[in-house]
Amino acid sequence: MFSNILIVEDDPTYLHLWKRIGKDLGVSNIVGVAKPEKAMELLKSKSFDLLISDVVMPSMNGYELAKRARERDPAISVLLTTGYTTDLSRFDLKGLKCHLLHKPYHNLANVSLFLQRLINDEDVFAGMDEDS
């Protein structure tokens, strides 16, 4: 069970949504920031079980942030989110194991179930179809 989640999201609506879902699932420590640089500062001083990050941000993309987070802590789980159809070939994803969710979320119950399963280290896709 994850007890420490770091959320990096420059859209305040999605930042609040992720914090709310985590709180509803009983996560004891959720830290949300809008800038990847602040996330890097936090990752240097604290340990997190899960990083949830937007992909497209002004100063550093979510893939780069995830890679840097993994360099500091190889055990951290990563969930990336994006509102764009992204050509993944432009990113160096070699060795980066993560989940990717596309915005907007049409079924918040499934997003919550996905996060709950991720937190509990369960099969996140059990019983869900590709469009869930």
Protein backbone atom coordinates (compact mmCIF):
# COMPACT_ATOMS: atom_id res chain seq x y z
CA MET A 1 0.00 0.00 0.00
CA PHE A 2 1.35 3.38 -1.00
CA SER A 3 1.27 6.04 1.67
CA ASN A 4 3.21 8.86 -0.04
CA ILE A 5 2.15 10.30 -3.39
CA LEU A 6 3.69 13.21 -5.27
CA ILE A 7 1.44 14.87 -7.86
CA VAL A 8 2.92 17.23 -10.45
CA GLU A 9 0.23 18.97 -12.47
CA ASP A 10 0.19 22.50 -13.86
CA ASP A 11 -3.60 22.50 -14.29
CA PRO A 12 -5.10 23.32 -10.85
CA THR A 13 -8.33 21.42 -11.63
CA TYR A 14 -6.50 18.15 -12.29
CA LEU A 15 -4.14 18.74 -9.38
CA HIS A 16 -7.13 19.09 -7.06
CA LEU A 17 -8.85 16.05 -8.63
CA TRP A 18 -5.84 13.75 -8.06
CA LYS A 19 -5.44 14.98 -4.49
CA ARG A 20 -9.15 14.36 -3.85
CA ILE A 21 -9.08 10.84 -5.31
CA GLY A 22 -5.99 9.96 -3.25
CA LYS A 23 -7.55 11.34 -0.08
CA ASP A 24 -10.78 9.41 -0.76
CA LEU A 25 -8.69 6.23 -1.10
CA GLY A 26 -7.09 6.82 2.30
CA VAL A 27 -3.62 7.87 1.19
CA SER A 28 -2.00 9.44 4.24
CA ASN A 29 0.48 11.80 2.56
CA ILE A 30 -0.30 13.53 -0.74
CA VAL A 31 1.85 16.39 -1.93
CA GLY A 32 0.79 18.35 -5.00
CA VAL A 33 2.89 20.87 -6.89
CA ALA A 34 2.49 22.75 -10.17
CA LYS A 35 6.14 22.82 -11.25
CA PRO A 36 8.55 19.98 -11.99
CA GLU A 37 11.43 21.91 -10.38
CA LYS A 38 9.56 21.92 -7.08
CA ALA A 39 8.94 18.19 -7.50
CA MET A 40 12.67 17.60 -7.97
CA GLU A 41 13.40 19.50 -4.75
CA LEU A 42 10.88 17.33 -2.91
CA LEU A 43 12.25 14.12 -4.42
CA LYS A 44 15.70 15.02 -3.09
CA SER A 45 14.44 15.40 0.47
CA LYS A 46 11.52 12.96 0.78
CA SER A 47 10.63 9.46 -0.28
CA PHE A 48 7.50 8.86 -2.36
CA ASP A 49 5.83 5.61 -3.38
CA LEU A 50 4.08 7.04 -6.44
CA LEU A 51 4.68 9.93 -8.82
CA ILE A 52 1.65 11.17 -10.77
CA SER A 53 2.71 13.73 -13.36
CA ASP A 54 1.36 15.55 -16.36
CA VAL A 55 3.44 14.95 -19.49
CA VAL A 56 3.35 18.38 -21.12
CA MET A 57 4.60 21.13 -18.81
CA PRO A 58 6.51 24.31 -19.67
CA SER A 59 9.93 23.67 -18.14
CA MET A 60 10.34 19.87 -18.02
CA ASN A 61 8.16 17.17 -19.51
CA GLY A 62 6.73 14.39 -17.37
CA TYR A 63 8.89 11.72 -18.99
CA GLU A 64 12.07 13.56 -18.03
CA LEU A 65 10.73 14.10 -14.52
CA ALA A 66 9.88 10.40 -14.23
CA LYS A 67 13.35 9.39 -15.41
CA ARG A 68 14.98 11.70 -12.88
CA ALA A 69 12.70 10.44 -10.12
CA ARG A 70 13.64 6.85 -10.97
CA GLU A 71 17.34 7.72 -10.91
CA ARG A 72 16.86 8.91 -7.32
CA ASP A 73 14.55 6.02 -6.35
CA PRO A 74 14.28 3.04 -8.73
CA ALA A 75 11.31 1.69 -6.74
CA ILE A 76 9.01 4.68 -7.28
CA SER A 77 5.89 3.89 -9.32
CA VAL A 78 4.98 6.31 -12.09
CA LEU A 79 1.64 7.36 -13.55
CA LEU A 80 1.79 9.93 -16.34
CA THR A 81 -1.21 11.84 -17.67
CA THR A 82 -1.72 13.88 -20.83
CA GLY A 83 -4.41 15.80 -22.59
CA TYR A 84 -2.56 15.61 -25.90
CA THR A 85 -2.17 12.92 -28.47
CA THR A 86 1.56 12.65 -28.10
CA ASP A 87 4.09 11.18 -30.50
CA LEU A 88 5.98 9.09 -27.96
CA SER A 89 8.89 8.55 -30.36
CA ARG A 90 10.19 12.05 -29.56
CA PHE A 91 10.83 11.05 -25.95
CA ASP A 92 13.62 8.79 -24.72
CA LEU A 93 11.51 6.18 -22.96
CA LYS A 94 14.09 3.40 -22.94
CA GLY A 95 13.70 1.52 -19.66
CA LEU A 96 10.92 3.74 -18.31
CA LYS A 97 8.12 1.53 -16.98
CA CYS A 98 5.03 3.61 -16.30
CA HIS A 99 1.31 3.95 -16.87
CA LEU A 100 -0.16 6.64 -19.13
CA LEU A 101 -3.70 8.01 -18.78
CA HIS A 102 -5.25 10.37 -21.31
CA LYS A 103 -7.32 13.39 -20.28
CA PRO A 104 -10.10 14.21 -20.03
CA TYR A 105 -11.23 11.39 -17.80
CA HIS A 106 -14.70 10.25 -18.79
CA ASN A 107 -15.27 7.77 -15.99
CA LEU A 108 -13.94 8.97 -12.63
CA ALA A 109 -15.03 5.73 -10.95
CA ASN A 110 -12.64 3.82 -13.25
CA VAL A 111 -9.84 6.36 -12.65
CA SER A 112 -10.34 5.92 -8.91
CA LEU A 113 -10.38 2.13 -9.25
CA PHE A 114 -7.23 2.29 -11.40
CA LEU A 115 -5.44 4.38 -8.75
CA GLN A 116 -6.68 2.14 -5.93
CA ARG A 117 -5.31 -0.94 -7.70
CA LEU A 118 -2.04 0.82 -8.44
CA ILE A 119 -1.70 1.86 -4.80
CA ASN A 120 -2.41 -1.69 -3.64
CA ASP A 121 -0.01 -3.20 -6.23
CA GLU A 122 -2.85 -5.11 -7.92
CA ASP A 123 -3.60 -5.76 -11.61
CA VAL A 124 -4.79 -2.28 -12.62
CA PHE A 125 -6.53 -3.52 -15.76
CA ALA A 126 -8.52 -6.47 -14.36
CA GLY A 127 -12.05 -6.31 -15.75
CA MET A 128 -11.48 -3.07 -17.68
CA ASP A 129 -11.58 -2.67 -21.42
CA GLU A 130 -9.12 -0.52 -23.40
CA ASP A 131 -11.39 2.52 -23.29
CA SER A 132 -11.93 2.49 -19.52
